Amino acid sequence: MPETSSDAIVTSLPPLATQAARLIELGVHELAGIPADELRTFAANAGGTEGGEGDALIAVHPDRVPASALAPLLRRDGKPGFVVVDMPDVDDFAPDTAELPEAPLYVVTGLDRGDRMANWSPEEALPALTAEGRSPLLLHEGIHWVLQQPPILERNRCFMTIGSRLRKPNGTLDARTPAIWISNGTGRDGRERRDAPKVGWCWWGNRHTWLGFASATGRGSGVQRQES
């Protein structure tokens, strides 16, 4: 297993106002039942969040817009994103350890694609991220990230979002863990979906050389700027 290191992928997200405009353009605010002006105001006020512009990602709470509604909004080479056919329960994957702000909108900071953990299993990656004080990204957060910064999803440099897990009725965790990668257009994906963004899953104990483990350092409802 590779050594743990701090070689986080440096990201420079669009300004929060630009992110809000992007979500409005895609109609995410309508899916979430959030007025466009409310989203713009949140973006204007959330700039005071620790990490600041360029390090903060706007996320809509999954209770407002599930992953299944966000995935088709992804685009790569003009092709829309999709959820694999054998994951009809994608929206049942929920935060397992992370606590989300009780608000329709929040910000995620300190994003890292987790390339250094490529070829690790989720079982190996989770305790390592926890020891670093990082929180594994949730599936809907990962989709929001790719919506705002499409180049972050690269061939052989894709990522898992193991903060979202599915609990069975008996309380045990499903062995599937969600991930976002690029379809090869094989099997049930269909040739027409080659190069499209893909929401799928991998087993908890399996390793993949082309999947890192996305994580963040914080989540918050935003800090409103004070008038001078």
C-alpha atoms as a PDB file:
ATOM      1  CA  MET A   1       0.000   0.000   0.000  1.00  0.00           C
ATOM      2  CA  PRO A   2       1.362   3.480  -0.864  1.00  0.00           C
ATOM      3  CA  GLU A   3       2.638   5.685   1.912  1.00  0.00           C
ATOM      4  CA  THR A   4       0.335   8.352   3.256  1.00  0.00           C
ATOM      5  CA  SER A   5       1.447  11.820   2.225  1.00  0.00           C
ATOM      6  CA  SER A   6       0.178  15.371   2.074  1.00  0.00           C
ATOM      7  CA  ASP A   7       0.383  15.769  -1.702  1.00  0.00           C
ATOM      8  CA  ALA A   8      -3.181  17.080  -1.961  1.00  0.00           C
ATOM      9  CA  ILE A   9      -4.404  17.999  -5.402  1.00  0.00           C
ATOM     10  CA  VAL A  10      -4.409  21.796  -5.520  1.00  0.00           C
ATOM     11  CA  THR A  11      -7.767  23.100  -6.612  1.00  0.00           C
ATOM     12  CA  SER A  12      -8.916  26.544  -7.525  1.00  0.00           C
ATOM     13  CA  LEU A  13     -12.650  26.506  -7.587  1.00  0.00           C
ATOM     14  CA  PRO A  14     -14.633  29.262  -9.286  1.00  0.00           C
ATOM     15  CA  PRO A  15     -15.745  32.155  -7.049  1.00  0.00           C
ATOM     16  CA  LEU A  16     -18.848  31.349  -5.038  1.00  0.00           C
ATOM     17  CA  ALA A  17     -20.915  33.826  -7.053  1.00  0.00           C
ATOM     18  CA  THR A  18     -19.880  32.005 -10.230  1.00  0.00           C
ATOM     19  CA  GLN A  19     -20.768  28.681  -8.636  1.00  0.00           C
ATOM     20  CA  ALA A  20     -24.209  30.002  -7.730  1.00  0.00           C
ATOM     21  CA  ALA A  21     -24.726  31.199 -11.297  1.00  0.00           C
ATOM     22  CA  ARG A  22     -23.719  27.771 -12.587  1.00  0.00           C
ATOM     23  CA  LEU A  23     -26.233  25.997 -10.342  1.00  0.00           C
ATOM     24  CA  ILE A  24     -28.948  28.400 -11.446  1.00  0.00           C
ATOM     25  CA  GLU A  25     -28.032  27.852 -15.102  1.00  0.00           C
ATOM     26  CA  LEU A  26     -28.388  24.099 -14.600  1.00  0.00           C
ATOM     27  CA  GLY A  27     -31.716  24.508 -12.797  1.00  0.00           C
ATOM     28  CA  VAL A  28     -30.454  22.979  -9.561  1.00  0.00           C
ATOM     29  CA  HIS A  29     -32.152  25.720  -7.540  1.00  0.00           C
ATOM     30  CA  GLU A  30     -35.503  24.729  -9.071  1.00  0.00           C
ATOM     31  CA  LEU A  31     -34.930  21.053  -8.321  1.00  0.00           C
ATOM     32  CA  ALA A  32     -34.159  22.040  -4.732  1.00  0.00           C
ATOM     33  CA  GLY A  33     -37.031  24.492  -4.374  1.00  0.00           C
ATOM     34  CA  ILE A  34     -34.613  27.316  -3.570  1.00  0.00           C
ATOM     35  CA  PRO A  35     -35.239  30.770  -5.066  1.00  0.00           C
ATOM     36  CA  ALA A  36     -32.410  31.951  -7.317  1.00  0.00           C
ATOM     37  CA  ASP A  37     -31.975  35.113  -5.246  1.00  0.00           C
ATOM     38  CA  GLU A  38     -31.571  33.026  -2.089  1.00  0.00           C
ATOM     39  CA  LEU A  39     -28.802  31.050  -3.724  1.00  0.00           C
ATOM     40  CA  ARG A  40     -27.062  34.236  -4.892  1.00  0.00           C
ATOM     41  CA  THR A  41     -27.337  35.744  -1.409  1.00  0.00           C
ATOM     42  CA  PHE A  42     -25.899  32.616   0.175  1.00  0.00           C
ATOM     43  CA  ALA A  43     -22.929  32.768  -2.179  1.00  0.00           C
ATOM     44  CA  ALA A  44     -22.344  36.437  -1.390  1.00  0.00           C
ATOM     45  CA  ASN A  45     -22.392  35.828   2.357  1.00  0.00           C
ATOM     46  CA  ALA A  46     -20.552  32.506   2.439  1.00  0.00           C
ATOM     47  CA  GLY A  47     -17.336  34.087   1.193  1.00  0.00           C
ATOM     48  CA  GLY A  48     -16.352  34.640   4.801  1.00  0.00           C
ATOM     49  CA  THR A  49     -16.094  30.889   5.352  1.00  0.00           C
ATOM     50  CA  GLU A  50     -12.743  29.596   6.539  1.00  0.00           C
ATOM     51  CA  GLY A  51     -10.740  28.758   3.442  1.00  0.00           C
ATOM     52  CA  GLY A  52     -12.267  31.576   1.442  1.00  0.00           C
ATOM     53  CA  GLU A  53     -12.813  31.941  -2.277  1.00  0.00           C
ATOM     54  CA  GLY A  54     -11.096  29.322  -4.405  1.00  0.00           C
ATOM     55  CA  ASP A  55     -11.240  26.741  -1.623  1.00  0.00           C
ATOM     56  CA  ALA A  56     -14.979  26.563  -0.977  1.00  0.00           C
ATOM     57  CA  LEU A  57     -17.588  24.527  -2.823  1.00  0.00           C
ATOM     58  CA  ILE A  58     -21.309  25.225  -2.623  1.00  0.00           C
ATOM     59  CA  ALA A  59     -23.329  22.071  -2.009  1.00  0.00           C
ATOM     60  CA  VAL A  60     -27.086  21.616  -1.919  1.00  0.00           C
ATOM     61  CA  HIS A  61     -28.239  19.350   0.891  1.00  0.00           C
ATOM     62  CA  PRO A  62     -29.088  15.882  -0.461  1.00  0.00           C
ATOM     63  CA  ASP A  63     -32.515  16.097   1.176  1.00  0.00           C
ATOM     64  CA  ARG A  64     -33.249  18.834  -1.367  1.00  0.00           C
ATOM     65  CA  VAL A  65     -31.628  17.311  -4.482  1.00  0.00           C
ATOM     66  CA  PRO A  66     -30.593  13.632  -4.530  1.00  0.00           C
ATOM     67  CA  ALA A  67     -27.625  12.262  -6.435  1.00  0.00           C
ATOM     68  CA  SER A  68     -29.879  10.694  -9.066  1.00  0.00           C
ATOM     69  CA  ALA A  69     -31.124  14.159 -10.065  1.00  0.00           C
ATOM     70  CA  LEU A  70     -27.648  15.722 -10.102  1.00  0.00           C
ATOM     71  CA  ALA A  71     -25.797  13.027 -12.066  1.00  0.00           C
ATOM     72  CA  PRO A  72     -27.512  13.732 -15.442  1.00  0.00           C
ATOM     73  CA  LEU A  73     -26.367  17.366 -15.186  1.00  0.00           C
ATOM     74  CA  LEU A  74     -22.716  16.321 -15.449  1.00  0.00           C
ATOM     75  CA  ARG A  75     -21.121  16.761 -18.867  1.00  0.00           C
ATOM     76  CA  ARG A  76     -17.936  15.529 -20.516  1.00  0.00           C
ATOM     77  CA  ASP A  77     -17.287  15.865 -24.240  1.00  0.00           C
ATOM     78  CA  GLY A  78     -20.916  16.867 -24.592  1.00  0.00           C
ATOM     79  CA  LYS A  79     -22.175  13.639 -23.017  1.00  0.00           C
ATOM     80  CA  PRO A  80     -24.422  13.704 -19.939  1.00  0.00           C
ATOM     81  CA  GLY A  81     -23.602  11.894 -16.746  1.00  0.00           C
ATOM     82  CA  PHE A  82     -25.498   8.838 -15.590  1.00  0.00           C
ATOM     83  CA  VAL A  83     -25.911   6.373 -12.729  1.00  0.00           C
ATOM     84  CA  VAL A  84     -25.045   2.730 -13.410  1.00  0.00           C
ATOM     85  CA  VAL A  85     -28.060   0.499 -13.925  1.00  0.00           C
ATOM     86  CA  ASP A  86     -27.181  -1.760 -10.994  1.00  0.00           C
ATOM     87  CA  MET A  87     -27.362   1.103  -8.526  1.00  0.00           C
ATOM     88  CA  PRO A  88     -31.104   1.929  -8.503  1.00  0.00           C
ATOM     89  CA  ASP A  89     -30.819   2.654  -4.780  1.00  0.00           C
ATOM     90  CA  VAL A  90     -28.192   5.378  -5.272  1.00  0.00           C
ATOM     91  CA  ASP A  91     -30.258   7.916  -3.314  1.00  0.00           C
ATOM     92  CA  ASP A  92     -30.311   5.643  -0.276  1.00  0.00           C
ATOM     93  CA  PHE A  93     -26.558   6.133   0.182  1.00  0.00           C
ATOM     94  CA  ALA A  94     -26.374   8.703   2.965  1.00  0.00           C
ATOM     95  CA  PRO A  95     -23.763  10.362   5.217  1.00  0.00           C
ATOM     96  CA  ASP A  96     -22.436   7.668   7.529  1.00  0.00           C
ATOM     97  CA  THR A  97     -20.123   9.629   9.811  1.00  0.00           C
ATOM     98  CA  ALA A  98     -20.254  13.242   8.568  1.00  0.00           C
ATOM     99  CA  GLU A  99     -22.720  15.694  10.074  1.00  0.00           C
ATOM    100  CA  LEU A 100     -24.207  18.105   7.551  1.00  0.00           C
ATOM    101  CA  PRO A 101     -25.373  21.623   8.423  1.00  0.00           C
ATOM    102  CA  GLU A 102     -29.127  21.805   8.935  1.00  0.00           C
ATOM    103  CA  ALA A 103     -29.572  24.105   5.974  1.00  0.00           C
ATOM    104  CA  PRO A 104     -30.493  23.686   2.316  1.00  0.00           C
ATOM    105  CA  LEU A 105     -27.127  25.129   1.256  1.00  0.00           C
ATOM    106  CA  TYR A 106     -23.670  24.742   2.763  1.00  0.00           C
ATOM    107  CA  VAL A 107     -20.011  24.945   1.789  1.00  0.00           C
ATOM    108  CA  VAL A 108     -17.326  22.275   1.691  1.00  0.00           C
ATOM    109  CA  THR A 109     -13.693  23.322   2.143  1.00  0.00           C
ATOM    110  CA  GLY A 110     -10.253  21.767   1.743  1.00  0.00           C
ATOM    111  CA  LEU A 111     -11.128  19.479  -1.150  1.00  0.00           C
ATOM    112  CA  ASP A 112      -8.600  16.820  -2.182  1.00  0.00           C
ATOM    113  CA  ARG A 113      -9.088  14.246  -4.926  1.00  0.00           C
ATOM    114  CA  GLY A 114      -6.978  11.739  -3.012  1.00  0.00           C
ATOM    115  CA  ASP A 115      -4.715  10.556  -5.838  1.00  0.00           C
ATOM    116  CA  ARG A 116      -2.100   9.472  -3.303  1.00  0.00           C
ATOM    117  CA  MET A 117      -4.478   6.727  -2.176  1.00  0.00           C
ATOM    118  CA  ALA A 118      -5.013   5.248  -5.625  1.00  0.00           C
ATOM    119  CA  ASN A 119      -4.867   1.463  -5.401  1.00  0.00           C
ATOM    120  CA  TRP A 120      -6.032   1.528  -1.799  1.00  0.00           C
ATOM    121  CA  SER A 121      -9.308  -0.082  -0.782  1.00  0.00           C
ATOM    122  CA  PRO A 122     -12.024   1.973   0.938  1.00  0.00           C
ATOM    123  CA  GLU A 123     -11.372  -0.168   4.010  1.00  0.00           C
ATOM    124  CA  GLU A 124      -7.749   1.011   4.019  1.00  0.00           C
ATOM    125  CA  ALA A 125      -8.433   4.625   3.072  1.00  0.00           C
ATOM    126  CA  LEU A 126     -11.070   5.530   5.668  1.00  0.00           C
ATOM    127  CA  PRO A 127      -8.872   5.186   8.800  1.00  0.00           C
ATOM    128  CA  ALA A 128      -5.997   6.972   7.031  1.00  0.00           C
ATOM    129  CA  LEU A 129      -8.203   9.947   6.130  1.00  0.00           C
ATOM    130  CA  THR A 130      -9.602  10.045   9.656  1.00  0.00           C
ATOM    131  CA  ALA A 131      -6.085  10.070  11.110  1.00  0.00           C
ATOM    132  CA  GLU A 132      -5.259  13.056   8.892  1.00  0.00           C
ATOM    133  CA  GLY A 133      -8.270  14.965  10.197  1.00  0.00           C
ATOM    134  CA  ARG A 134      -9.997  14.723   6.837  1.00  0.00           C
ATOM    135  CA  SER A 135     -13.572  13.680   6.105  1.00  0.00           C
ATOM    136  CA  PRO A 136     -14.368  11.486   3.090  1.00  0.00           C
ATOM    137  CA  LEU A 137     -16.472  13.287   0.523  1.00  0.00           C
ATOM    138  CA  LEU A 138     -20.139  12.435   0.142  1.00  0.00           C
ATOM    139  CA  LEU A 139     -21.497  11.365  -3.231  1.00  0.00           C
ATOM    140  CA  HIS A 140     -23.600  14.471  -3.838  1.00  0.00           C
ATOM    141  CA  GLU A 141     -20.620  16.654  -2.860  1.00  0.00           C
ATOM    142  CA  GLY A 142     -18.443  14.875  -5.400  1.00  0.00           C
ATOM    143  CA  ILE A 143     -21.041  15.492  -8.096  1.00  0.00           C
ATOM    144  CA  HIS A 144     -21.223  19.174  -7.139  1.00  0.00           C
ATOM    145  CA  TRP A 145     -17.425  19.348  -7.395  1.00  0.00           C
ATOM    146  CA  VAL A 146     -17.405  17.955 -10.941  1.00  0.00           C
ATOM    147  CA  LEU A 147     -20.284  20.248 -11.913  1.00  0.00           C
ATOM    148  CA  GLN A 148     -18.226  23.263 -10.867  1.00  0.00           C
ATOM    149  CA  GLN A 149     -14.802  22.009 -11.938  1.00  0.00           C
ATOM    150  CA  PRO A 150     -15.212  19.417 -14.730  1.00  0.00           C
ATOM    151  CA  PRO A 151     -11.430  18.932 -15.323  1.00  0.00           C
ATOM    152  CA  ILE A 152     -11.114  17.435 -11.835  1.00  0.00           C
ATOM    153  CA  LEU A 153     -12.506  14.220 -13.361  1.00  0.00           C
ATOM    154  CA  GLU A 154      -9.694  12.792 -15.499  1.00  0.00           C
ATOM    155  CA  ARG A 155      -9.052   9.418 -17.017  1.00  0.00           C
ATOM    156  CA  ASN A 156      -7.027   7.332 -14.561  1.00  0.00           C
ATOM    157  CA  ARG A 157      -7.509  10.109 -11.974  1.00  0.00           C
ATOM    158  CA  CYS A 158     -11.080   9.648 -10.770  1.00  0.00           C
ATOM    159  CA  PHE A 159     -12.326   9.290  -7.207  1.00  0.00           C
ATOM    160  CA  MET A 160     -14.470   7.506  -4.664  1.00  0.00           C
ATOM    161  CA  THR A 161     -16.896   9.212  -2.284  1.00  0.00           C
ATOM    162  CA  ILE A 162     -16.932   6.799   0.618  1.00  0.00           C
ATOM    163  CA  GLY A 163     -18.535   9.242   3.045  1.00  0.00           C
ATOM    164  CA  SER A 164     -21.865   8.030   1.626  1.00  0.00           C
ATOM    165  CA  ARG A 165     -22.841   4.517   2.714  1.00  0.00           C
ATOM    166  CA  LEU A 166     -25.968   2.417   2.625  1.00  0.00           C
ATOM    167  CA  ARG A 167     -27.180   0.788   5.811  1.00  0.00           C
ATOM    168  CA  LYS A 168     -29.204  -2.370   5.493  1.00  0.00           C
ATOM    169  CA  PRO A 169     -32.384  -2.924   7.546  1.00  0.00           C
ATOM    170  CA  ASN A 170     -30.371  -5.012  10.020  1.00  0.00           C
ATOM    171  CA  GLY A 171     -28.002  -2.066  10.628  1.00  0.00           C
ATOM    172  CA  THR A 172     -24.979  -3.433   8.792  1.00  0.00           C
ATOM    173  CA  LEU A 173     -23.303  -1.487   5.992  1.00  0.00           C
ATOM    174  CA  ASP A 174     -23.716  -2.470   2.369  1.00  0.00           C
ATOM    175  CA  ALA A 175     -20.358  -3.516   0.865  1.00  0.00           C
ATOM    176  CA  ARG A 176     -20.792  -1.145  -2.079  1.00  0.00           C
ATOM    177  CA  THR A 177     -19.113   2.258  -1.949  1.00  0.00           C
ATOM    178  CA  PRO A 178     -19.956   5.039  -4.444  1.00  0.00           C
ATOM    179  CA  ALA A 179     -17.511   6.561  -6.895  1.00  0.00           C
ATOM    180  CA  ILE A 180     -17.438   8.944  -9.849  1.00  0.00           C
ATOM    181  CA  TRP A 181     -15.434   8.049 -12.928  1.00  0.00           C
ATOM    182  CA  ILE A 182     -15.477   8.074 -16.740  1.00  0.00           C
ATOM    183  CA  SER A 183     -17.283   5.394 -18.682  1.00  0.00           C
ATOM    184  CA  ASN A 184     -15.445   3.260 -21.225  1.00  0.00           C
ATOM    185  CA  GLY A 185     -18.733   2.569 -22.981  1.00  0.00           C
ATOM    186  CA  THR A 186     -18.517  -1.143 -22.287  1.00  0.00           C
ATOM    187  CA  GLY A 187     -21.075  -3.613 -20.974  1.00  0.00           C
ATOM    188  CA  ARG A 188     -24.378  -2.221 -19.840  1.00  0.00           C
ATOM    189  CA  ASP A 189     -23.128   1.377 -20.073  1.00  0.00           C
ATOM    190  CA  GLY A 190     -23.501   1.210 -23.865  1.00  0.00           C
ATOM    191  CA  ARG A 191     -21.054   2.446 -26.495  1.00  0.00           C
ATOM    192  CA  GLU A 192     -22.904   5.744 -26.780  1.00  0.00           C
ATOM    193  CA  ARG A 193     -21.859   6.561 -23.220  1.00  0.00           C
ATOM    194  CA  ARG A 194     -18.129   6.208 -23.783  1.00  0.00           C
ATOM    195  CA  ASP A 195     -16.319   9.154 -22.104  1.00  0.00           C
ATOM    196  CA  ALA A 196     -19.455  10.199 -20.174  1.00  0.00           C
ATOM    197  CA  PRO A 197     -19.243  10.941 -16.422  1.00  0.00           C
ATOM    198  CA  LYS A 198     -20.415   7.911 -14.499  1.00  0.00           C
ATOM    199  CA  VAL A 199     -21.725   7.411 -10.952  1.00  0.00           C
ATOM    200  CA  GLY A 200     -21.124   3.849  -9.882  1.00  0.00           C
ATOM    201  CA  TRP A 201     -19.823   1.745  -7.039  1.00  0.00           C
ATOM    202  CA  CYS A 202     -16.928  -0.480  -5.963  1.00  0.00           C
ATOM    203  CA  TRP A 203     -16.608  -3.072  -3.229  1.00  0.00           C
ATOM    204  CA  TRP A 204     -15.446  -1.987   0.234  1.00  0.00           C
ATOM    205  CA  GLY A 205     -12.447  -4.297   0.178  1.00  0.00           C
ATOM    206  CA  ASN A 206     -11.314  -3.846  -3.447  1.00  0.00           C
ATOM    207  CA  ARG A 207      -8.493  -1.690  -4.836  1.00  0.00           C
ATOM    208  CA  HIS A 208      -8.460   0.253  -8.106  1.00  0.00           C
ATOM    209  CA  THR A 209      -5.380   1.951  -9.531  1.00  0.00           C
ATOM    210  CA  TRP A 210      -7.465   4.697 -11.160  1.00  0.00           C
ATOM    211  CA  LEU A 211      -9.576   5.683  -8.163  1.00  0.00           C
ATOM    212  CA  GLY A 212      -8.415   7.974  -5.385  1.00  0.00           C
ATOM    213  CA  PHE A 213     -10.444   8.926  -2.308  1.00  0.00           C
ATOM    214  CA  ALA A 214     -11.911  12.423  -2.315  1.00  0.00           C
ATOM    215  CA  SER A 215     -12.047  14.190   1.033  1.00  0.00           C
ATOM    216  CA  ALA A 216     -12.510  17.581   2.668  1.00  0.00           C
ATOM    217  CA  THR A 217     -11.423  19.378   5.807  1.00  0.00           C
ATOM    218  CA  GLY A 218     -14.662  21.132   6.661  1.00  0.00           C
ATOM    219  CA  ARG A 219     -18.366  21.700   6.062  1.00  0.00           C
ATOM    220  CA  GLY A 220     -20.293  24.727   7.190  1.00  0.00           C
ATOM    221  CA  SER A 221     -23.327  26.885   6.586  1.00  0.00           C
ATOM    222  CA  GLY A 222     -21.157  29.869   5.706  1.00  0.00           C
ATOM    223  CA  VAL A 223     -20.048  32.922   7.648  1.00  0.00           C
ATOM    224  CA  GLN A 224     -21.858  36.110   6.905  1.00  0.00           C
ATOM    225  CA  ARG A 225     -19.564  39.095   6.329  1.00  0.00           C
ATOM    226  CA  GLN A 226     -19.825  41.893   8.843  1.00  0.00           C
ATOM    227  CA  GLU A 227     -20.489  45.435   7.738  1.00  0.00           C
ATOM    228  CA  SER A 228     -17.506  47.707   8.301  1.00  0.00           C
END
